[in-house]
């Protein structure tokens, strides 16, 4: 549980599109890990799930939508 909380904290560093620092890159990678975990959770519970990028990352790195159906 501590690891998950730490990953959530780290992911908050990756929300500014214009930030190209190593810290922001680490935050964006943490977001990717969280999204992959969410996909796996949904799939393990009988959902068909995929990630959809709905706007370019230079607009916002908060640009991924999880689409799931039963």
Protein backbone atom coordinates (compact mmCIF):
# COMPACT_ATOMS: atom_id res chain seq x y z
CA UNK A 1 0.00 0.00 0.00
CA UNK A 2 2.87 2.40 0.73
CA UNK A 3 4.26 1.77 -2.73
CA UNK A 4 0.93 2.65 -4.35
CA UNK A 5 0.68 5.87 -2.34
CA UNK A 6 4.22 6.80 -3.36
CA UNK A 7 3.44 6.11 -7.02
CA UNK A 8 0.37 8.36 -6.80
CA UNK A 9 2.46 11.17 -5.28
CA UNK A 10 5.13 10.82 -7.94
CA UNK A 11 2.54 10.84 -10.74
CA UNK A 12 1.38 14.31 -9.74
CA UNK A 13 4.73 15.67 -10.94
CA UNK A 14 3.92 14.91 -14.57
CA UNK A 15 0.92 17.15 -15.21
CA UNK A 16 2.51 20.20 -16.86
CA UNK A 17 2.98 19.76 -20.60
CA UNK A 18 5.75 22.36 -20.87
CA UNK A 19 7.86 20.77 -18.10
CA UNK A 20 10.58 18.64 -19.67
CA UNK A 21 12.53 18.00 -16.47
CA UNK A 22 13.57 14.54 -15.36
CA UNK A 23 11.18 14.90 -12.41
CA UNK A 24 8.22 15.56 -14.73
CA UNK A 25 9.25 12.66 -16.98
CA UNK A 26 9.29 10.37 -13.94
CA UNK A 27 5.82 11.63 -13.04
CA UNK A 28 4.51 10.85 -16.52
CA UNK A 29 6.00 7.37 -16.36
CA UNK A 30 4.28 6.84 -13.01
CA UNK A 31 0.98 7.87 -14.63
CA UNK A 32 1.59 5.28 -17.35
CA UNK A 33 2.14 2.59 -14.70
CA UNK A 34 -1.06 3.55 -12.90
CA UNK A 35 -3.04 3.45 -16.15
CA UNK A 36 -1.60 0.02 -16.98
CA UNK A 37 -2.59 -1.20 -13.52
CA UNK A 38 -6.12 0.11 -14.00
CA UNK A 39 -6.37 -1.71 -17.33
CA UNK A 40 -5.18 -4.96 -15.82
CA UNK A 41 -7.64 -4.62 -12.94
CA UNK A 42 -10.57 -4.03 -15.30
CA UNK A 43 -9.56 -6.89 -17.57
CA UNK A 44 -9.18 -9.27 -14.63
CA UNK A 45 -12.77 -8.42 -13.67
CA UNK A 46 -14.23 -9.29 -17.06
CA UNK A 47 -14.01 -5.98 -18.89
CA UNK A 48 -12.59 -5.29 -22.30
CA UNK A 49 -10.48 -2.19 -21.74
CA UNK A 50 -8.14 0.03 -23.70
CA UNK A 51 -6.34 3.34 -23.37
CA UNK A 52 -7.30 6.13 -25.76
CA UNK A 53 -5.22 9.26 -26.27
CA UNK A 54 -7.72 12.01 -26.94
CA UNK A 55 -5.48 15.08 -27.26
CA UNK A 56 -1.79 15.59 -28.01
CA UNK A 57 0.60 15.51 -25.03
CA UNK A 58 1.85 19.02 -25.83
CA UNK A 59 -1.66 20.26 -24.96
CA UNK A 60 -1.74 18.33 -21.68
CA UNK A 61 -0.12 15.15 -20.42
CA UNK A 62 -3.50 14.35 -18.84
CA UNK A 63 -4.54 13.03 -22.23
CA UNK A 64 -5.44 9.37 -21.74
CA UNK A 65 -8.93 7.96 -21.35
CA UNK A 66 -9.70 4.41 -20.24
CA UNK A 67 -12.56 2.94 -22.25
CA UNK A 68 -14.05 -0.26 -20.82
CA UNK A 69 -17.04 -2.41 -21.66
CA UNK A 70 -18.45 -5.48 -19.95
